[in-house]
Every structure is written in structure tokens, then in C-alpha cells.
Amino acid sequence: MSDHAQLKHHADLLDRMAETQGIDLQEEAISGRLRFDRIADAVLRCAKCAHPDHCQLWLKAHKDGADRTPDYCRNQDLFELMRNGRGH
């Protein structure tokens, strides 16, 4: 997978993980609650994850929503901040 394709794949995983928790990353960015550079950093953290296949399975199993990410999620802290309204 090319670097561009890999980043695109992980950006999608990140967005889907956020949606599963009721977080709209686009709205968070537009409103200013989450800086675009934080989203870019989150995509890069996701791209370094050793469990993207597990993540896809987890997302399928939690398509109706979840209160938190799986324990191995490299962006768990960021999602927790966003759920608590402190995304910056």
C-alpha cells in the first residue's frame, strides 16, 4: 500500500472510530474545538498502529456505537478529550 493510500485508510479508520463514539470530526474542526493539526497528528498515530485489522473488526462489531475505543487505540486520549468537550 502506498503512503498516500495508507494515510487515507487510517484517516477513514479514525473518522469511523470517532463516529462510533458520536464524534463528528468535521464539525469539531469547523467549530474550532479541534485544530486541524491535531487531526493530522491523530491520523499519523493511527497509521503507526499495529492493529488496523483488529480495528476494522472492532468497528464492525460496534457499528451501533460505543462509549470508548478499544484499549489498544493510539488515539484513545484524544477521543476521551473530545467526548468531554475539550478537544483543542
PDB file of N, CA and C in Angstrom:
ATOM      1  N   MET A   1       0.858  -1.168   0.000  1.00  0.00           N
ATOM      2  CA  MET A   1       0.000   0.000   0.000  1.00  0.00           C
ATOM      3  C   MET A   1       0.906   1.234   0.000  1.00  0.00           C
ATOM      4  N   SER A   2       0.602   2.185  -0.880  1.00  0.00           N
ATOM      5  CA  SER A   2       1.401   3.414  -0.940  1.00  0.00           C
ATOM      6  C   SER A   2       1.192   4.239   0.331  1.00  0.00           C
ATOM      7  N   ASP A   3       2.117   5.154   0.580  1.00  0.00           N
ATOM      8  CA  ASP A   3       1.997   6.019   1.761  1.00  0.00           C
ATOM      9  C   ASP A   3       0.689   6.797   1.735  1.00  0.00           C
ATOM     10  N   HIS A   4       0.331   7.315   0.555  1.00  0.00           N
ATOM     11  CA  HIS A   4      -0.909   8.084   0.417  1.00  0.00           C
ATOM     12  C   HIS A   4      -2.120   7.199   0.718  1.00  0.00           C
ATOM     13  N   ALA A   5      -2.127   6.003   0.162  1.00  0.00           N
ATOM     14  CA  ALA A   5      -3.244   5.075   0.394  1.00  0.00           C
ATOM     15  C   ALA A   5      -3.315   4.676   1.862  1.00  0.00           C
ATOM     16  N   GLN A   6      -2.148   4.461   2.484  1.00  0.00           N
ATOM     17  CA  GLN A   6      -2.133   4.088   3.899  1.00  0.00           C
ATOM     18  C   GLN A   6      -2.689   5.220   4.764  1.00  0.00           C
ATOM     19  N   LEU A   7      -2.280   6.453   4.496  1.00  0.00           N
ATOM     20  CA  LEU A   7      -2.787   7.589   5.275  1.00  0.00           C
ATOM     21  C   LEU A   7      -4.293   7.760   5.068  1.00  0.00           C
ATOM     22  N   LYS A   8      -4.740   7.575   3.841  1.00  0.00           N
ATOM     23  CA  LYS A   8      -6.169   7.683   3.546  1.00  0.00           C
ATOM     24  C   LYS A   8      -6.951   6.607   4.295  1.00  0.00           C
ATOM     25  N   HIS A   9      -6.411   5.397   4.316  1.00  0.00           N
ATOM     26  CA  HIS A   9      -7.044   4.276   5.027  1.00  0.00           C
ATOM     27  C   HIS A   9      -7.157   4.592   6.524  1.00  0.00           C
ATOM     28  N   HIS A  10      -6.082   5.101   7.106  1.00  0.00           N
ATOM     29  CA  HIS A  10      -6.096   5.395   8.537  1.00  0.00           C
ATOM     30  C   HIS A  10      -6.941   6.630   8.866  1.00  0.00           C
ATOM     31  N   ALA A  11      -7.012   7.577   7.948  1.00  0.00           N
ATOM     32  CA  ALA A  11      -7.916   8.717   8.145  1.00  0.00           C
ATOM     33  C   ALA A  11      -9.358   8.219   8.193  1.00  0.00           C
ATOM     34  N   ASP A  12      -9.678   7.250   7.340  1.00  0.00           N
ATOM     35  CA  ASP A  12     -11.025   6.660   7.348  1.00  0.00           C
ATOM     36  C   ASP A  12     -11.279   5.911   8.654  1.00  0.00           C
ATOM     37  N   LEU A  13     -10.296   5.130   9.113  1.00  0.00           N
ATOM     38  CA  LEU A  13     -10.455   4.413  10.386  1.00  0.00           C
ATOM     39  C   LEU A  13     -10.665   5.395  11.535  1.00  0.00           C
ATOM     40  N   LEU A  14      -9.893   6.470  11.537  1.00  0.00           N
ATOM     41  CA  LEU A  14     -10.019   7.479  12.583  1.00  0.00           C
ATOM     42  C   LEU A  14     -11.416   8.105  12.570  1.00  0.00           C
ATOM     43  N   ASP A  15     -11.878   8.462  11.388  1.00  0.00           N
ATOM     44  CA  ASP A  15     -13.198   9.069  11.262  1.00  0.00           C
ATOM     45  C   ASP A  15     -14.294   8.098  11.702  1.00  0.00           C
ATOM     46  N   ARG A  16     -14.172   6.842  11.294  1.00  0.00           N
ATOM     47  CA  ARG A  16     -15.166   5.835  11.691  1.00  0.00           C
ATOM     48  C   ARG A  16     -15.131   5.587  13.193  1.00  0.00           C
ATOM     49  N   MET A  17     -13.942   5.598  13.790  1.00  0.00           N
ATOM     50  CA  MET A  17     -13.828   5.404  15.235  1.00  0.00           C
ATOM     51  C   MET A  17     -14.503   6.566  15.954  1.00  0.00           C
ATOM     52  N   ALA A  18     -14.298   7.770  15.460  1.00  0.00           N
ATOM     53  CA  ALA A  18     -14.940   8.945  16.060  1.00  0.00           C
ATOM     54  C   ALA A  18     -16.466   8.834  15.939  1.00  0.00           C
ATOM     55  N   GLU A  19     -16.951   8.499  14.751  1.00  0.00           N
ATOM     56  CA  GLU A  19     -18.392   8.376  14.538  1.00  0.00           C
ATOM     57  C   GLU A  19     -19.006   7.333  15.464  1.00  0.00           C
ATOM     58  N   THR A  20     -18.301   6.249  15.692  1.00  0.00           N
ATOM     59  CA  THR A  20     -18.791   5.189  16.574  1.00  0.00           C
ATOM     60  C   THR A  20     -19.047   5.718  17.978  1.00  0.00           C
ATOM     61  N   GLN A  21     -18.291   6.746  18.345  1.00  0.00           N
ATOM     62  CA  GLN A  21     -18.424   7.342  19.677  1.00  0.00           C
ATOM     63  C   GLN A  21     -19.282   8.609  19.668  1.00  0.00           C
ATOM     64  N   GLY A  22     -19.925   8.885  18.538  1.00  0.00           N
ATOM     65  CA  GLY A  22     -20.785  10.051  18.446  1.00  0.00           C
ATOM     66  C   GLY A  22     -20.041  11.358  18.230  1.00  0.00           C
ATOM     67  N   ILE A  23     -18.816  11.269  17.723  1.00  0.00           N
ATOM     68  CA  ILE A  23     -17.990  12.452  17.489  1.00  0.00           C
ATOM     69  C   ILE A  23     -17.920  12.711  15.992  1.00  0.00           C
ATOM     70  N   ASP A  24     -18.221  13.932  15.579  1.00  0.00           N
ATOM     71  CA  ASP A  24     -18.128  14.342  14.185  1.00  0.00           C
ATOM     72  C   ASP A  24     -16.849  15.167  14.039  1.00  0.00           C
ATOM     73  N   LEU A  25     -15.794  14.558  13.501  1.00  0.00           N
ATOM     74  CA  LEU A  25     -14.505  15.243  13.398  1.00  0.00           C
ATOM     75  C   LEU A  25     -14.595  16.509  12.556  1.00  0.00           C
ATOM     76  N   GLN A  26     -15.371  16.471  11.491  1.00  0.00           N
ATOM     77  CA  GLN A  26     -15.510  17.647  10.649  1.00  0.00           C
ATOM     78  C   GLN A  26     -16.151  18.788  11.433  1.00  0.00           C
ATOM     79  N   GLU A  27     -17.199  18.508  12.160  1.00  0.00           N
ATOM     80  CA  GLU A  27     -17.856  19.535  12.964  1.00  0.00           C
ATOM     81  C   GLU A  27     -16.919  20.050  14.062  1.00  0.00           C
ATOM     82  N   GLU A  28     -16.166  19.148  14.672  1.00  0.00           N
ATOM     83  CA  GLU A  28     -15.211  19.554  15.714  1.00  0.00           C
ATOM     84  C   GLU A  28     -14.180  20.528  15.144  1.00  0.00           C
ATOM     85  N   ALA A  29     -13.717  20.259  13.926  1.00  0.00           N
ATOM     86  CA  ALA A  29     -12.718  21.120  13.296  1.00  0.00           C
ATOM     87  C   ALA A  29     -13.334  22.452  12.874  1.00  0.00           C
ATOM     88  N   ILE A  30     -14.503  22.410  12.240  1.00  0.00           N
ATOM     89  CA  ILE A  30     -15.145  23.638  11.774  1.00  0.00           C
ATOM     90  C   ILE A  30     -15.474  24.562  12.943  1.00  0.00           C
ATOM     91  N   SER A  31     -15.911  23.984  14.037  1.00  0.00           N
ATOM     92  CA  SER A  31     -16.291  24.786  15.200  1.00  0.00           C
ATOM     93  C   SER A  31     -15.080  25.351  15.944  1.00  0.00           C
ATOM     94  N   GLY A  32     -13.896  24.820  15.647  1.00  0.00           N
ATOM     95  CA  GLY A  32     -12.688  25.276  16.326  1.00  0.00           C
ATOM     96  C   GLY A  32     -12.385  24.516  17.605  1.00  0.00           C
ATOM     97  N   ARG A  33     -13.218  23.523  17.924  1.00  0.00           N
ATOM     98  CA  ARG A  33     -12.964  22.733  19.138  1.00  0.00           C
ATOM     99  C   ARG A  33     -11.791  21.777  18.961  1.00  0.00           C
ATOM    100  N   LEU A  34     -11.447  21.482  17.705  1.00  0.00           N
ATOM    101  CA  LEU A  34     -10.329  20.584  17.420  1.00  0.00           C
ATOM    102  C   LEU A  34      -9.538  21.165  16.253  1.00  0.00           C
ATOM    103  N   ARG A  35      -8.270  21.467  16.498  1.00  0.00           N
ATOM    104  CA  ARG A  35      -7.420  22.032  15.448  1.00  0.00           C
ATOM    105  C   ARG A  35      -7.119  20.971  14.389  1.00  0.00           C
ATOM    106  N   PHE A  36      -6.977  21.438  13.148  1.00  0.00           N
ATOM    107  CA  PHE A  36      -6.693  20.527  12.045  1.00  0.00           C
ATOM    108  C   PHE A  36      -5.379  19.781  12.260  1.00  0.00           C
ATOM    109  N   ASP A  37      -4.388  20.435  12.863  1.00  0.00           N
ATOM    110  CA  ASP A  37      -3.113  19.753  13.094  1.00  0.00           C
ATOM    111  C   ASP A  37      -3.266  18.603  14.087  1.00  0.00           C
ATOM    112  N   ARG A  38      -4.210  18.712  15.015  1.00  0.00           N
ATOM    113  CA  ARG A  38      -4.466  17.598  15.950  1.00  0.00           C
ATOM    114  C   ARG A  38      -5.062  16.411  15.207  1.00  0.00           C
ATOM    115  N   ILE A  39      -5.907  16.693  14.211  1.00  0.00           N
ATOM    116  CA  ILE A  39      -6.474  15.610  13.400  1.00  0.00           C
ATOM    117  C   ILE A  39      -5.362  14.952  12.586  1.00  0.00           C
ATOM    118  N   ALA A  40      -4.501  15.755  11.988  1.00  0.00           N
ATOM    119  CA  ALA A  40      -3.381  15.204  11.207  1.00  0.00           C
ATOM    120  C   ALA A  40      -2.481  14.345  12.090  1.00  0.00           C
ATOM    121  N   ASP A  41      -2.183  14.823  13.289  1.00  0.00           N
ATOM    122  CA  ASP A  41      -1.367  14.035  14.226  1.00  0.00           C
ATOM    123  C   ASP A  41      -2.071  12.728  14.591  1.00  0.00           C
ATOM    124  N   ALA A  42      -3.387  12.781  14.758  1.00  0.00           N
ATOM    125  CA  ALA A  42      -4.156  11.578  15.102  1.00  0.00           C
ATOM    126  C   ALA A  42      -4.098  10.559  13.964  1.00  0.00           C
ATOM    127  N   VAL A  43      -4.162  11.031  12.720  1.00  0.00           N
ATOM    128  CA  VAL A  43      -4.055  10.118  11.574  1.00  0.00           C
ATOM    129  C   VAL A  43      -2.683   9.456  11.566  1.00  0.00           C
ATOM    130  N   LEU A  44      -1.635  10.229  11.831  1.00  0.00           N
ATOM    131  CA  LEU A  44      -0.281   9.657  11.861  1.00  0.00           C
ATOM    132  C   LEU A  44      -0.124   8.646  12.989  1.00  0.00           C
ATOM    133  N   ARG A  45      -0.712   8.934  14.162  1.00  0.00           N
ATOM    134  CA  ARG A  45      -0.669   7.960  15.264  1.00  0.00           C
ATOM    135  C   ARG A  45      -1.391   6.681  14.852  1.00  0.00           C
ATOM    136  N   CYS A  46      -2.528   6.833  14.218  1.00  0.00           N
ATOM    137  CA  CYS A  46      -3.305   5.683  13.768  1.00  0.00           C
ATOM    138  C   CYS A  46      -2.499   4.860  12.758  1.00  0.00           C
ATOM    139  N   ALA A  47      -1.801   5.544  11.870  1.00  0.00           N
ATOM    140  CA  ALA A  47      -1.017   4.859  10.842  1.00  0.00           C
ATOM    141  C   ALA A  47       0.115   4.028  11.442  1.00  0.00           C
ATOM    142  N   LYS A  48       0.530   4.353  12.655  1.00  0.00           N
ATOM    143  CA  LYS A  48       1.591   3.594  13.322  1.00  0.00           C
ATOM    144  C   LYS A  48       1.046   2.427  14.144  1.00  0.00           C
ATOM    145  N   CYS A  49      -0.271   2.256  14.147  1.00  0.00           N
ATOM    146  CA  CYS A  49      -0.910   1.201  14.930  1.00  0.00           C
ATOM    147  C   CYS A  49      -0.594  -0.178  14.351  1.00  0.00           C
ATOM    148  N   ALA A  50      -0.369  -1.107  15.230  1.00  0.00           N
ATOM    149  CA  ALA A  50      -0.092  -2.485  14.817  1.00  0.00           C
ATOM    150  C   ALA A  50      -1.367  -3.306  14.647  1.00  0.00           C
ATOM    151  N   HIS A  51      -2.545  -2.699  14.867  1.00  0.00           N
ATOM    152  CA  HIS A  51      -3.799  -3.457  14.860  1.00  0.00           C
ATOM    153  C   HIS A  51      -4.872  -2.936  13.907  1.00  0.00           C
ATOM    154  N   PRO A  52      -4.540  -2.451  12.711  1.00  0.00           N
ATOM    155  CA  PRO A  52      -5.604  -1.909  11.862  1.00  0.00           C
ATOM    156  C   PRO A  52      -6.655  -2.954  11.494  1.00  0.00           C
ATOM    157  N   ASP A  53      -6.256  -4.209  11.336  1.00  0.00           N
ATOM    158  CA  ASP A  53      -7.242  -5.252  11.027  1.00  0.00           C
ATOM    159  C   ASP A  53      -8.169  -5.483  12.212  1.00  0.00           C
ATOM    160  N   HIS A  54      -7.610  -5.480  13.421  1.00  0.00           N
ATOM    161  CA  HIS A  54      -8.446  -5.619  14.613  1.00  0.00           C
ATOM    162  C   HIS A  54      -9.406  -4.436  14.723  1.00  0.00           C
ATOM    163  N   CYS A  55      -8.910  -3.266  14.382  1.00  0.00           N
ATOM    164  CA  CYS A  55      -9.727  -2.062  14.450  1.00  0.00           C
ATOM    165  C   CYS A  55     -10.927  -2.183  13.511  1.00  0.00           C
ATOM    166  N   GLN A  56     -10.704  -2.657  12.303  1.00  0.00           N
ATOM    167  CA  GLN A  56     -11.809  -2.820  11.363  1.00  0.00           C
ATOM    168  C   GLN A  56     -12.852  -3.799  11.908  1.00  0.00           C
ATOM    169  N   LEU A  57     -12.401  -4.886  12.499  1.00  0.00           N
ATOM    170  CA  LEU A  57     -13.329  -5.851  13.097  1.00  0.00           C
ATOM    171  C   LEU A  57     -14.074  -5.234  14.272  1.00  0.00           C
ATOM    172  N   TRP A  58     -13.365  -4.461  15.095  1.00  0.00           N
ATOM    173  CA  TRP A  58     -13.988  -3.806  16.244  1.00  0.00           C
ATOM    174  C   TRP A  58     -15.059  -2.828  15.765  1.00  0.00           C
ATOM    175  N   LEU A  59     -14.739  -2.062  14.719  1.00  0.00           N
ATOM    176  CA  LEU A  59     -15.700  -1.095  14.181  1.00  0.00           C
ATOM    177  C   LEU A  59     -16.955  -1.790  13.663  1.00  0.00           C
ATOM    178  N   LYS A  60     -16.776  -2.920  12.999  1.00  0.00           N
ATOM    179  CA  LYS A  60     -17.944  -3.675  12.521  1.00  0.00           C
ATOM    180  C   LYS A  60     -18.795  -4.160  13.690  1.00  0.00           C
ATOM    181  N   ALA A  61     -18.144  -4.612  14.739  1.00  0.00           N
ATOM    182  CA  ALA A  61     -18.864  -5.141  15.907  1.00  0.00           C
ATOM    183  C   ALA A  61     -19.558  -4.030  16.696  1.00  0.00           C
ATOM    184  N   HIS A  62     -19.106  -2.788  16.550  1.00  0.00           N
ATOM    185  CA  HIS A  62     -19.660  -1.669  17.309  1.00  0.00           C
ATOM    186  C   HIS A  62     -20.308  -0.628  16.390  1.00  0.00           C
ATOM    187  N   LYS A  63     -20.869  -1.082  15.283  1.00  0.00           N
ATOM    188  CA  LYS A  63     -21.448  -0.145  14.310  1.00  0.00           C
ATOM    189  C   LYS A  63     -22.611   0.661  14.886  1.00  0.00           C
ATOM    190  N   ASP A  64     -23.203   0.193  15.970  1.00  0.00           N
ATOM    191  CA  ASP A  64     -24.305   0.925  16.604  1.00  0.00           C
ATOM    192  C   ASP A  64     -23.822   1.883  17.691  1.00  0.00           C
ATOM    193  N   GLY A  65     -22.505   1.976  17.873  1.00  0.00           N
ATOM    194  CA  GLY A  65     -21.948   2.913  18.830  1.00  0.00           C
ATOM    195  C   GLY A  65     -21.163   2.247  19.941  1.00  0.00           C
ATOM    196  N   ALA A  66     -20.342   3.045  20.579  1.00  0.00           N
ATOM    197  CA  ALA A  66     -19.518   2.575  21.691  1.00  0.00           C
ATOM    198  C   ALA A  66     -19.188   3.764  22.582  1.00  0.00           C
ATOM    199  N   ASP A  67     -18.966   3.486  23.847  1.00  0.00           N
ATOM    200  CA  ASP A  67     -18.631   4.533  24.816  1.00  0.00           C
ATOM    201  C   ASP A  67     -17.163   4.926  24.775  1.00  0.00           C
ATOM    202  N   ARG A  68     -16.324   4.043  24.237  1.00  0.00           N
ATOM    203  CA  ARG A  68     -14.886   4.318  24.194  1.00  0.00           C
ATOM    204  C   ARG A  68     -14.239   3.469  23.122  1.00  0.00           C
ATOM    205  N   THR A  69     -12.984   3.725  22.886  1.00  0.00           N
ATOM    206  CA  THR A  69     -12.226   2.979  21.881  1.00  0.00           C
ATOM    207  C   THR A  69     -11.704   1.678  22.481  1.00  0.00           C
ATOM    208  N   PRO A  70     -11.214   0.777  21.641  1.00  0.00           N
ATOM    209  CA  PRO A  70     -10.533  -0.393  22.202  1.00  0.00           C
ATOM    210  C   PRO A  70      -9.272   0.057  22.946  1.00  0.00           C
ATOM    211  N   ASP A  71      -8.834  -0.732  23.879  1.00  0.00           N
ATOM    212  CA  ASP A  71      -7.684  -0.359  24.716  1.00  0.00           C
ATOM    213  C   ASP A  71      -6.408  -0.081  23.923  1.00  0.00           C
ATOM    214  N   TYR A  72      -6.246  -0.726  22.790  1.00  0.00           N
ATOM    215  CA  TYR A  72      -5.019  -0.543  22.016  1.00  0.00           C
ATOM    216  C   TYR A  72      -5.037   0.715  21.138  1.00  0.00           C
ATOM    217  N   CYS A  73      -6.137   1.449  21.105  1.00  0.00           N
ATOM    218  CA  CYS A  73      -6.244   2.627  20.229  1.00  0.00           C
ATOM    219  C   CYS A  73      -5.228   3.689  20.635  1.00  0.00           C
ATOM    220  N   ARG A  74      -4.433   4.112  19.676  1.00  0.00           N
ATOM    221  CA  ARG A  74      -3.395   5.115  19.927  1.00  0.00           C
ATOM    222  C   ARG A  74      -3.977   6.514  20.099  1.00  0.00           C
ATOM    223  N   ASN A  75      -5.260   6.679  19.795  1.00  0.00           N
ATOM    224  CA  ASN A  75      -5.921   7.977  19.923  1.00  0.00           C
ATOM    225  C   ASN A  75      -6.966   7.988  21.030  1.00  0.00           C
ATOM    226  N   GLN A  76      -6.895   7.030  21.910  1.00  0.00           N
ATOM    227  CA  GLN A  76      -7.864   6.905  22.990  1.00  0.00           C
ATOM    228  C   GLN A  76      -7.962   8.194  23.818  1.00  0.00           C
ATOM    229  N   ASP A  77      -6.832   8.798  24.154  1.00  0.00           N
ATOM    230  CA  ASP A  77      -6.840  10.025  24.966  1.00  0.00           C
ATOM    231  C   ASP A  77      -7.515  11.185  24.230  1.00  0.00           C
ATOM    232  N   LEU A  78      -7.246  11.317  22.936  1.00  0.00           N
ATOM    233  CA  LEU A  78      -7.854  12.386  22.158  1.00  0.00           C
ATOM    234  C   LEU A  78      -9.372  12.204  22.096  1.00  0.00           C
ATOM    235  N   PHE A  79      -9.821  10.992  21.849  1.00  0.00           N
ATOM    236  CA  PHE A  79     -11.265  10.748  21.803  1.00  0.00           C
ATOM    237  C   PHE A  79     -11.915  11.028  23.155  1.00  0.00           C
ATOM    238  N   GLU A  80     -11.236  10.679  24.220  1.00  0.00           N
ATOM    239  CA  GLU A  80     -11.780  10.956  25.550  1.00  0.00           C
ATOM    240  C   GLU A  80     -11.914  12.465  25.776  1.00  0.00           C
ATOM    241  N   LEU A  81     -10.917  13.220  25.375  1.00  0.00           N
ATOM    242  CA  LEU A  81     -10.985  14.677  25.490  1.00  0.00           C
ATOM    243  C   LEU A  81     -12.161  15.233  24.680  1.00  0.00           C
ATOM    244  N   MET A  82     -12.344  14.728  23.469  1.00  0.00           N
ATOM    245  CA  MET A  82     -13.441  15.215  22.635  1.00  0.00           C
ATOM    246  C   MET A  82     -14.800  14.847  23.226  1.00  0.00           C
ATOM    247  N   ARG A  83     -14.919  13.658  23.772  1.00  0.00           N
ATOM    248  CA  ARG A  83     -16.187  13.255  24.386  1.00  0.00           C
ATOM    249  C   ARG A  83     -16.511  14.159  25.571  1.00  0.00           C
ATOM    250  N   ASN A  84     -15.478  14.665  26.221  1.00  0.00           N
ATOM    251  CA  ASN A  84     -15.674  15.540  27.376  1.00  0.00           C
ATOM    252  C   ASN A  84     -15.670  17.019  26.984  1.00  0.00           C
ATOM    253  N   GLY A  85     -15.685  17.313  25.661  1.00  0.00           N
ATOM    254  CA  GLY A  85     -15.775  18.682  25.198  1.00  0.00           C
ATOM    255  C   GLY A  85     -14.508  19.497  25.292  1.00  0.00           C
ATOM    256  N   ARG A  86     -13.358  18.825  25.338  1.00  0.00           N
ATOM    257  CA  ARG A  86     -12.081  19.557  25.471  1.00  0.00           C
ATOM    258  C   ARG A  86     -11.125  19.135  24.361  1.00  0.00           C
ATOM    259  N   GLY A  87     -11.541  19.228  23.119  1.00  0.00           N
ATOM    260  CA  GLY A  87     -10.758  18.702  22.022  1.00  0.00           C
ATOM    261  C   GLY A  87      -9.494  19.422  21.614  1.00  0.00           C
ATOM    262  N   HIS A  88      -9.426  20.711  21.788  1.00  0.00           N
ATOM    263  CA  HIS A  88      -8.327  21.514  21.232  1.00  0.00           C
ATOM    264  C   HIS A  88      -7.071  20.711  21.155  1.00  0.00           C
TER     265      HIS A  88
END
